[in-house]
PDB file of N, CA and C in Angstrom:
ATOM      1  N   MET A   1     130.562 112.690 199.859  1.00  0.00           N
ATOM      2  CA  MET A   1     129.627 113.399 199.078  1.00  0.00           C
ATOM      3  C   MET A   1     130.042 113.022 197.581  1.00  0.00           C
ATOM      4  N   LYS A   2     129.070 112.868 196.844  1.00  0.00           N
ATOM      5  CA  LYS A   2     129.304 112.487 195.577  1.00  0.00           C
ATOM      6  C   LYS A   2     128.988 113.620 194.279  1.00  0.00           C
ATOM      7  N   TYR A   3     129.888 113.691 193.628  1.00  0.00           N
ATOM      8  CA  TYR A   3     129.627 114.823 192.634  1.00  0.00           C
ATOM      9  C   TYR A   3     129.855 114.154 191.204  1.00  0.00           C
ATOM     10  N   LYS A   4     129.451 114.893 190.293  1.00  0.00           N
ATOM     11  CA  LYS A   4     129.365 114.564 188.728  1.00  0.00           C
ATOM     12  C   LYS A   4     130.335 115.537 188.288  1.00  0.00           C
ATOM     13  N   ALA A   5     131.525 115.050 187.757  1.00  0.00           N
ATOM     14  CA  ALA A   5     132.778 115.980 187.298  1.00  0.00           C
ATOM     15  C   ALA A   5     133.679 115.240 186.141  1.00  0.00           C
ATOM     16  N   LYS A   6     134.048 115.974 185.338  1.00  0.00           N
ATOM     17  CA  LYS A   6     135.073 115.365 184.324  1.00  0.00           C
ATOM     18  C   LYS A   6     136.372 115.231 185.052  1.00  0.00           C
ATOM     19  N   SER A   7     136.840 116.081 185.401  1.00  0.00           N
ATOM     20  CA  SER A   7     138.134 116.442 186.257  1.00  0.00           C
ATOM     21  C   SER A   7     138.051 117.177 187.570  1.00  0.00           C
ATOM     22  N   VAL A   8     139.078 116.880 188.394  1.00  0.00           N
ATOM     23  CA  VAL A   8     139.264 117.587 189.532  1.00  0.00           C
ATOM     24  C   VAL A   8     140.792 118.079 189.912  1.00  0.00           C
ATOM     25  N   VAL A   9     140.956 119.203 190.421  1.00  0.00           N
ATOM     26  CA  VAL A   9     142.208 119.574 190.872  1.00  0.00           C
ATOM     27  C   VAL A   9     142.143 119.805 192.290  1.00  0.00           C
ATOM     28  N   VAL A  10     143.240 119.033 192.854  1.00  0.00           N
ATOM     29  CA  VAL A  10     143.313 119.305 194.234  1.00  0.00           C
ATOM     30  C   VAL A  10     144.494 120.071 194.705  1.00  0.00           C
ATOM     31  N   SER A  11     144.341 121.164 195.660  1.00  0.00           N
ATOM     32  CA  SER A  11     145.229 122.133 195.947  1.00  0.00           C
ATOM     33  C   SER A  11     145.139 122.102 197.378  1.00  0.00           C
ATOM     34  N   ARG A  12     146.158 122.822 197.939  1.00  0.00           N
ATOM     35  CA  ARG A  12     146.227 123.177 199.358  1.00  0.00           C
ATOM     36  C   ARG A  12     146.570 124.763 199.657  1.00  0.00           C
ATOM     37  N   LYS A  13     146.362 125.126 200.727  1.00  0.00           N
ATOM     38  CA  LYS A  13     146.542 126.510 201.338  1.00  0.00           C
ATOM     39  C   LYS A  13     146.712 126.506 202.756  1.00  0.00           C
ATOM     40  N   PRO A  14     147.646 127.176 203.297  1.00  0.00           N
ATOM     41  CA  PRO A  14     147.526 127.227 204.965  1.00  0.00           C
ATOM     42  C   PRO A  14     146.625 127.804 205.467  1.00  0.00           C
ATOM     43  N   ASN A  15     145.991 127.304 206.768  1.00  0.00           N
ATOM     44  CA  ASN A  15     145.029 127.853 207.503  1.00  0.00           C
ATOM     45  C   ASN A  15     145.266 129.051 207.969  1.00  0.00           C
ATOM     46  N   HIS A  16     144.475 130.208 207.956  1.00  0.00           N
ATOM     47  CA  HIS A  16     144.899 131.368 208.587  1.00  0.00           C
ATOM     48  C   HIS A  16     145.145 131.511 210.172  1.00  0.00           C
ATOM     49  N   ASP A  17     144.534 130.800 210.822  1.00  0.00           N
ATOM     50  CA  ASP A  17     144.711 130.761 212.294  1.00  0.00           C
ATOM     51  C   ASP A  17     146.105 129.870 212.715  1.00  0.00           C
ATOM     52  N   ASP A  18     146.357 129.031 212.023  1.00  0.00           N
ATOM     53  CA  ASP A  18     147.635 128.147 212.401  1.00  0.00           C
ATOM     54  C   ASP A  18     148.267 127.916 211.071  1.00  0.00           C
ATOM     55  N   GLU A  19     149.458 128.384 210.705  1.00  0.00           N
ATOM     56  CA  GLU A  19     150.214 128.147 209.562  1.00  0.00           C
ATOM     57  C   GLU A  19     150.826 126.741 209.399  1.00  0.00           C
ATOM     58  N   GLU A  20     150.587 125.971 210.263  1.00  0.00           N
ATOM     59  CA  GLU A  20     151.105 124.659 210.344  1.00  0.00           C
ATOM     60  C   GLU A  20     150.257 123.562 210.011  1.00  0.00           C
ATOM     61  N   THR A  21     148.989 123.986 209.670  1.00  0.00           N
ATOM     62  CA  THR A  21     147.767 123.178 209.247  1.00  0.00           C
ATOM     63  C   THR A  21     147.552 123.704 207.883  1.00  0.00           C
ATOM     64  N   TRP A  22     146.859 122.791 207.240  1.00  0.00           N
ATOM     65  CA  TRP A  22     146.563 123.201 205.743  1.00  0.00           C
ATOM     66  C   TRP A  22     145.044 122.753 205.522  1.00  0.00           C
ATOM     67  N   SER A  23     144.539 123.693 204.557  1.00  0.00           N
ATOM     68  CA  SER A  23     143.113 123.295 204.060  1.00  0.00           C
ATOM     69  C   SER A  23     143.255 122.583 202.767  1.00  0.00           C
ATOM     70  N   ALA A  24     142.566 121.887 202.293  1.00  0.00           N
ATOM     71  CA  ALA A  24     142.286 121.178 200.925  1.00  0.00           C
ATOM     72  C   ALA A  24     141.461 121.879 199.987  1.00  0.00           C
ATOM     73  N   PHE A  25     141.892 122.138 198.890  1.00  0.00           N
ATOM     74  CA  PHE A  25     140.687 122.873 197.782  1.00  0.00           C
ATOM     75  C   PHE A  25     140.728 121.834 196.903  1.00  0.00           C
ATOM     76  N   ILE A  26     139.535 121.379 196.506  1.00  0.00           N
ATOM     77  CA  ILE A  26     139.014 120.526 195.465  1.00  0.00           C
ATOM     78  C   ILE A  26     138.178 121.233 194.625  1.00  0.00           C
ATOM     79  N   GLY A  27     138.637 121.564 193.150  1.00  0.00           N
ATOM     80  CA  GLY A  27     137.943 122.209 192.252  1.00  0.00           C
ATOM     81  C   GLY A  27     137.361 121.229 191.207  1.00  0.00           C
ATOM     82  N   LEU A  28     136.201 121.304 190.997  1.00  0.00           N
ATOM     83  CA  LEU A  28     135.565 120.468 190.069  1.00  0.00           C
ATOM     84  C   LEU A  28     135.206 121.085 188.635  1.00  0.00           C
ATOM     85  N   PHE A  29     135.594 120.273 187.696  1.00  0.00           N
ATOM     86  CA  PHE A  29     135.366 121.010 186.281  1.00  0.00           C
ATOM     87  C   PHE A  29     134.512 119.903 185.484  1.00  0.00           C
ATOM     88  N   ASN A  30     134.268 120.643 184.303  1.00  0.00           N
ATOM     89  CA  ASN A  30     133.337 119.840 183.238  1.00  0.00           C
ATOM     90  C   ASN A  30     134.163 119.654 182.150  1.00  0.00           C
ATOM     91  N   GLU A  31     135.824 119.680 182.130  1.00  0.00           N
ATOM     92  CA  GLU A  31     136.463 119.179 181.018  1.00  0.00           C
ATOM     93  C   GLU A  31     137.703 118.744 181.681  1.00  0.00           C
ATOM     94  N   ASN A  32     138.603 118.099 180.884  1.00  0.00           N
ATOM     95  CA  ASN A  32     140.069 117.600 181.249  1.00  0.00           C
ATOM     96  C   ASN A  32     141.021 118.681 181.244  1.00  0.00           C
ATOM     97  N   ASN A  33     142.065 118.512 182.179  1.00  0.00           N
ATOM     98  CA  ASN A  33     143.212 119.541 182.030  1.00  0.00           C
ATOM     99  C   ASN A  33     142.751 120.901 182.105  1.00  0.00           C
ATOM    100  N   PRO A  34     141.899 121.202 183.065  1.00  0.00           N
ATOM    101  CA  PRO A  34     141.663 122.576 183.241  1.00  0.00           C
ATOM    102  C   PRO A  34     142.475 123.607 183.448  1.00  0.00           C
ATOM    103  N   HIS A  35     143.644 123.208 184.100  1.00  0.00           N
ATOM    104  CA  HIS A  35     144.706 124.068 184.530  1.00  0.00           C
ATOM    105  C   HIS A  35     145.454 124.712 183.278  1.00  0.00           C
ATOM    106  N   LEU A  36     145.292 123.919 182.073  1.00  0.00           N
ATOM    107  CA  LEU A  36     145.959 124.353 180.908  1.00  0.00           C
ATOM    108  C   LEU A  36     145.327 125.565 180.262  1.00  0.00           C
ATOM    109  N   LYS A  37     144.042 125.419 180.448  1.00  0.00           N
ATOM    110  CA  LYS A  37     143.317 126.689 179.876  1.00  0.00           C
ATOM    111  C   LYS A  37     142.649 127.766 180.905  1.00  0.00           C
ATOM    112  N   ALA A  38     143.103 127.607 182.141  1.00  0.00           N
ATOM    113  CA  ALA A  38     142.873 128.495 183.262  1.00  0.00           C
ATOM    114  C   ALA A  38     141.625 128.590 183.219  1.00  0.00           C
ATOM    115  N   LYS A  39     140.839 127.468 183.337  1.00  0.00           N
ATOM    116  CA  LYS A  39     139.451 127.511 183.482  1.00  0.00           C
ATOM    117  C   LYS A  39     138.980 127.598 184.967  1.00  0.00           C
ATOM    118  N   ILE A  40     137.824 127.969 185.203  1.00  0.00           N
ATOM    119  CA  ILE A  40     137.407 128.131 186.582  1.00  0.00           C
ATOM    120  C   ILE A  40     136.369 127.028 186.968  1.00  0.00           C
ATOM    121  N   PRO A  41     136.501 126.401 188.085  1.00  0.00           N
ATOM    122  CA  PRO A  41     135.842 125.154 188.565  1.00  0.00           C
ATOM    123  C   PRO A  41     134.253 125.519 188.557  1.00  0.00           C
ATOM    124  N   PHE A  42     133.425 124.781 188.419  1.00  0.00           N
ATOM    125  CA  PHE A  42     132.099 125.128 188.545  1.00  0.00           C
ATOM    126  C   PHE A  42     131.622 124.733 190.116  1.00  0.00           C
ATOM    127  N   LYS A  43     132.472 124.260 190.891  1.00  0.00           N
ATOM    128  CA  LYS A  43     132.266 124.078 192.365  1.00  0.00           C
ATOM    129  C   LYS A  43     133.678 124.021 193.106  1.00  0.00           C
ATOM    130  N   ILE A  44     134.035 124.635 194.073  1.00  0.00           N
ATOM    131  CA  ILE A  44     135.177 124.660 194.998  1.00  0.00           C
ATOM    132  C   ILE A  44     134.725 124.008 196.277  1.00  0.00           C
ATOM    133  N   ILE A  45     135.337 122.925 196.703  1.00  0.00           N
ATOM    134  CA  ILE A  45     135.293 122.303 198.095  1.00  0.00           C
ATOM    135  C   ILE A  45     136.536 122.628 198.946  1.00  0.00           C
ATOM    136  N   GLU A  46     136.151 123.541 199.837  1.00  0.00           N
ATOM    137  CA  GLU A  46     137.289 123.675 200.871  1.00  0.00           C
ATOM    138  C   GLU A  46     137.087 122.912 202.010  1.00  0.00           C
ATOM    139  N   ILE A  47     138.186 122.049 202.543  1.00  0.00           N
ATOM    140  CA  ILE A  47     138.042 121.353 203.855  1.00  0.00           C
ATOM    141  C   ILE A  47     139.207 121.608 204.654  1.00  0.00           C
ATOM    142  N   PRO A  48     139.037 122.316 205.799  1.00  0.00           N
ATOM    143  CA  PRO A  48     139.932 122.863 206.564  1.00  0.00           C
ATOM    144  C   PRO A  48     140.533 121.540 207.443  1.00  0.00           C
ATOM    145  N   LEU A  49     141.875 121.951 207.962  1.00  0.00           N
ATOM    146  CA  LEU A  49     142.442 121.051 208.924  1.00  0.00           C
ATOM    147  C   LEU A  49     142.671 119.741 208.331  1.00  0.00           C
ATOM    148  N   VAL A  50     143.363 119.708 207.212  1.00  0.00           N
ATOM    149  CA  VAL A  50     143.549 118.280 206.371  1.00  0.00           C
ATOM    150  C   VAL A  50     144.908 117.978 206.609  1.00  0.00           C
ATOM    151  N   GLU A  51     145.125 116.982 206.913  1.00  0.00           N
ATOM    152  CA  GLU A  51     146.712 116.297 207.106  1.00  0.00           C
ATOM    153  C   GLU A  51     147.046 115.388 205.984  1.00  0.00           C
ATOM    154  N   LYS A  52     146.024 114.708 205.238  1.00  0.00           N
ATOM    155  CA  LYS A  52     146.324 113.943 204.128  1.00  0.00           C
ATOM    156  C   LYS A  52     145.137 113.929 203.202  1.00  0.00           C
ATOM    157  N   VAL A  53     145.555 113.537 201.805  1.00  0.00           N
ATOM    158  CA  VAL A  53     144.448 113.095 200.832  1.00  0.00           C
ATOM    159  C   VAL A  53     144.861 111.916 200.327  1.00  0.00           C
ATOM    160  N   ARG A  54     143.859 110.946 200.213  1.00  0.00           N
ATOM    161  CA  ARG A  54     144.139 109.678 199.783  1.00  0.00           C
ATOM    162  C   ARG A  54     143.410 109.479 198.399  1.00  0.00           C
ATOM    163  N   VAL A  55     144.115 108.944 197.459  1.00  0.00           N
ATOM    164  CA  VAL A  55     143.411 108.818 196.147  1.00  0.00           C
ATOM    165  C   VAL A  55     143.183 107.322 195.988  1.00  0.00           C
ATOM    166  N   LYS A  56     142.014 106.786 195.881  1.00  0.00           N
ATOM    167  CA  LYS A  56     141.738 105.170 195.894  1.00  0.00           C
ATOM    168  C   LYS A  56     140.990 104.871 194.470  1.00  0.00           C
ATOM    169  N   GLU A  57     141.315 103.781 193.834  1.00  0.00           N
ATOM    170  CA  GLU A  57     140.563 103.201 192.758  1.00  0.00           C
ATOM    171  C   GLU A  57     140.560 104.215 191.405  1.00  0.00           C
ATOM    172  N   LEU A  58     141.418 105.113 191.349  1.00  0.00           N
ATOM    173  CA  LEU A  58     141.502 106.268 190.178  1.00  0.00           C
ATOM    174  C   LEU A  58     142.768 105.967 189.444  1.00  0.00           C
ATOM    175  N   ARG A  59     142.647 106.335 188.179  1.00  0.00           N
ATOM    176  CA  ARG A  59     143.865 106.162 187.604  1.00  0.00           C
ATOM    177  C   ARG A  59     143.976 107.511 186.771  1.00  0.00           C
ATOM    178  N   ASN A  60     144.992 107.730 185.850  1.00  0.00           N
ATOM    179  CA  ASN A  60     145.479 109.065 185.016  1.00  0.00           C
ATOM    180  C   ASN A  60     145.346 110.094 185.859  1.00  0.00           C
ATOM    181  N   ILE A  61     146.379 110.095 186.863  1.00  0.00           N
ATOM    182  CA  ILE A  61     146.373 111.244 188.006  1.00  0.00           C
ATOM    183  C   ILE A  61     147.712 111.958 187.588  1.00  0.00           C
ATOM    184  N   SER A  62     147.666 113.090 187.769  1.00  0.00           N
ATOM    185  CA  SER A  62     149.111 113.956 187.463  1.00  0.00           C
ATOM    186  C   SER A  62     149.372 114.901 188.681  1.00  0.00           C
ATOM    187  N   PHE A  63     150.539 114.896 189.202  1.00  0.00           N
ATOM    188  CA  PHE A  63     150.821 115.714 190.117  1.00  0.00           C
ATOM    189  C   PHE A  63     151.914 117.052 189.675  1.00  0.00           C
ATOM    190  N   TYR A  64     151.474 118.075 189.527  1.00  0.00           N
ATOM    191  CA  TYR A  64     152.196 119.316 189.079  1.00  0.00           C
ATOM    192  C   TYR A  64     153.065 119.996 190.144  1.00  0.00           C
ATOM    193  N   LEU A  65     154.409 119.873 190.142  1.00  0.00           N
ATOM    194  CA  LEU A  65     155.401 120.303 190.945  1.00  0.00           C
ATOM    195  C   LEU A  65     155.401 121.853 191.010  1.00  0.00           C
ATOM    196  N   GLN A  66     155.113 122.461 190.038  1.00  0.00           N
ATOM    197  CA  GLN A  66     155.149 123.856 189.954  1.00  0.00           C
ATOM    198  C   GLN A  66     154.148 124.494 190.679  1.00  0.00           C
ATOM    199  N   GLY A  67     152.917 123.773 190.871  1.00  0.00           N
ATOM    200  CA  GLY A  67     151.782 124.342 191.193  1.00  0.00           C
ATOM    201  C   GLY A  67     151.406 123.731 192.675  1.00  0.00           C
ATOM    202  N   ASN A  68     151.772 122.520 192.952  1.00  0.00           N
ATOM    203  CA  ASN A  68     151.745 121.652 194.061  1.00  0.00           C
ATOM    204  C   ASN A  68     150.243 121.238 193.871  1.00  0.00           C
ATOM    205  N   ASP A  69     149.457 120.842 192.650  1.00  0.00           N
ATOM    206  CA  ASP A  69     148.183 120.522 192.191  1.00  0.00           C
ATOM    207  C   ASP A  69     148.456 119.252 191.990  1.00  0.00           C
ATOM    208  N   LEU A  70     146.975 118.359 192.188  1.00  0.00           N
ATOM    209  CA  LEU A  70     146.914 117.085 191.752  1.00  0.00           C
ATOM    210  C   LEU A  70     145.828 117.225 190.802  1.00  0.00           C
ATOM    211  N   VAL A  71     146.037 116.466 189.542  1.00  0.00           N
ATOM    212  CA  VAL A  71     144.859 116.548 188.638  1.00  0.00           C
ATOM    213  C   VAL A  71     144.434 115.212 188.233  1.00  0.00           C
ATOM    214  N   ILE A  72     143.205 115.086 188.365  1.00  0.00           N
ATOM    215  CA  ILE A  72     142.559 113.887 187.954  1.00  0.00           C
ATOM    216  C   ILE A  72     141.713 113.802 186.892  1.00  0.00           C
ATOM    217  N   ASN A  73     141.722 113.395 185.773  1.00  0.00           N
ATOM    218  CA  ASN A  73     140.900 113.423 184.560  1.00  0.00           C
ATOM    219  C   ASN A  73     140.306 112.269 184.219  1.00  0.00           C
ATOM    220  N   ASN A  74     139.381 112.414 183.309  1.00  0.00           N
ATOM    221  CA  ASN A  74     138.415 111.350 182.637  1.00  0.00           C
ATOM    222  C   ASN A  74     137.457 110.745 183.712  1.00  0.00           C
ATOM    223  N   LEU A  75     136.924 111.515 184.515  1.00  0.00           N
ATOM    224  CA  LEU A  75     136.106 111.081 185.836  1.00  0.00           C
ATOM    225  C   LEU A  75     134.772 111.164 185.012  1.00  0.00           C
ATOM    226  N   LYS A  76     133.675 110.153 185.665  1.00  0.00           N
ATOM    227  CA  LYS A  76     132.439 110.283 185.549  1.00  0.00           C
ATOM    228  C   LYS A  76     131.768 110.898 186.823  1.00  0.00           C
ATOM    229  N   GLU A  77     132.349 110.387 188.095  1.00  0.00           N
ATOM    230  CA  GLU A  77     132.012 110.939 189.188  1.00  0.00           C
ATOM    231  C   GLU A  77     133.149 110.818 190.126  1.00  0.00           C
ATOM    232  N   ILE A  78     133.030 111.698 191.199  1.00  0.00           N
ATOM    233  CA  ILE A  78     134.083 111.720 192.134  1.00  0.00           C
ATOM    234  C   ILE A  78     133.447 111.570 193.646  1.00  0.00           C
ATOM    235  N   ASN A  79     133.765 110.861 194.666  1.00  0.00           N
ATOM    236  CA  ASN A  79     133.437 110.733 195.985  1.00  0.00           C
ATOM    237  C   ASN A  79     134.333 111.536 196.636  1.00  0.00           C
ATOM    238  N   ILE A  80     134.019 112.228 197.720  1.00  0.00           N
ATOM    239  CA  ILE A  80     134.799 113.037 198.609  1.00  0.00           C
ATOM    240  C   ILE A  80     134.339 112.756 199.779  1.00  0.00           C
ATOM    241  N   ASP A  81     135.204 112.131 200.598  1.00  0.00           N
ATOM    242  CA  ASP A  81     135.043 111.705 202.189  1.00  0.00           C
ATOM    243  C   ASP A  81     135.961 112.191 203.174  1.00  0.00           C
ATOM    244  N   THR A  82     135.575 112.834 204.072  1.00  0.00           N
ATOM    245  CA  THR A  82     136.550 113.218 204.962  1.00  0.00           C
ATOM    246  C   THR A  82     136.388 112.551 206.353  1.00  0.00           C
ATOM    247  N   LYS A  83     137.439 112.249 207.092  1.00  0.00           N
ATOM    248  CA  LYS A  83     137.295 111.667 208.558  1.00  0.00           C
ATOM    249  C   LYS A  83     138.597 111.631 209.054  1.00  0.00           C
ATOM    250  N   ASP A  84     138.655 112.273 210.498  1.00  0.00           N
ATOM    251  CA  ASP A  84     140.032 112.250 211.137  1.00  0.00           C
ATOM    252  C   ASP A  84     141.313 113.040 210.285  1.00  0.00           C
ATOM    253  N   LYS A  85     140.857 114.301 209.641  1.00  0.00           N
ATOM    254  CA  LYS A  85     142.104 115.011 209.078  1.00  0.00           C
ATOM    255  C   LYS A  85     142.442 114.181 207.818  1.00  0.00           C
ATOM    256  N   ILE A  86     141.686 113.324 207.367  1.00  0.00           N
ATOM    257  CA  ILE A  86     142.152 112.615 205.998  1.00  0.00           C
ATOM    258  C   ILE A  86     140.926 112.858 204.858  1.00  0.00           C
ATOM    259  N   VAL A  87     141.405 113.288 203.798  1.00  0.00           N
ATOM    260  CA  VAL A  87     140.475 113.348 202.759  1.00  0.00           C
ATOM    261  C   VAL A  87     140.483 112.243 201.909  1.00  0.00           C
ATOM    262  N   THR A  88     139.407 111.360 201.571  1.00  0.00           N
ATOM    263  CA  THR A  88     139.690 110.138 200.539  1.00  0.00           C
ATOM    264  C   THR A  88     138.842 110.638 199.403  1.00  0.00           C
ATOM    265  N   LEU A  89     139.598 110.363 198.213  1.00  0.00           N
ATOM    266  CA  LEU A  89     138.969 110.530 196.947  1.00  0.00           C
ATOM    267  C   LEU A  89     138.738 109.200 196.084  1.00  0.00           C
ATOM    268  N   THR A  90     137.615 108.844 195.778  1.00  0.00           N
ATOM    269  CA  THR A  90     137.333 107.760 195.035  1.00  0.00           C
ATOM    270  C   THR A  90     136.271 108.048 193.971  1.00  0.00           C
ATOM    271  N   GLY A  91     136.161 107.152 192.926  1.00  0.00           N
ATOM    272  CA  GLY A  91     135.055 107.593 191.948  1.00  0.00           C
ATOM    273  C   GLY A  91     135.202 106.623 190.830  1.00  0.00           C
ATOM    274  N   LYS A  92     134.392 107.021 189.802  1.00  0.00           N
ATOM    275  CA  LYS A  92     134.403 106.211 188.338  1.00  0.00           C
ATOM    276  C   LYS A  92     134.963 107.143 187.279  1.00  0.00           C
ATOM    277  N   GLN A  93     135.845 106.532 186.309  1.00  0.00           N
ATOM    278  CA  GLN A  93     136.398 107.110 185.493  1.00  0.00           C
ATOM    279  C   GLN A  93     136.027 106.465 184.094  1.00  0.00           C
ATOM    280  N   GLU A  94     136.115 107.390 183.009  1.00  0.00           N
ATOM    281  CA  GLU A  94     136.069 106.704 181.560  1.00  0.00           C
ATOM    282  C   GLU A  94     137.387 106.332 181.062  1.00  0.00           C
ATOM    283  N   LEU A  95     137.488 105.094 180.556  1.00  0.00           N
ATOM    284  CA  LEU A  95     138.650 104.500 180.503  1.00  0.00           C
ATOM    285  C   LEU A  95     139.188 104.925 179.015  1.00  0.00           C
ATOM    286  N   PRO A  96     140.371 105.502 178.751  1.00  0.00           N
ATOM    287  CA  PRO A  96     140.705 106.074 177.496  1.00  0.00           C
ATOM    288  C   PRO A  96     140.890 104.860 176.332  1.00  0.00           C
TER     289      PRO A  96
END
């Protein structure tokens, strides 16, 4: 699925039925570094039973150890595809 967004934050949470599996939370934002301003995403995508998230063809990615979040800035659009418990993020970015 393709979305227009400036930034995405990828997070995780345990599934309620099985604490050994995880759901991926992908928040879409209209500005860079939304986590620094406690912004609320304009859309949240929850994908259950995810084993891995792959990021392809994108730069300017930060992983925040304190919150276990992955932040991708300077986006024009993001594509989110899911297959066999793997979420793949690709998209287009503005070059700084």
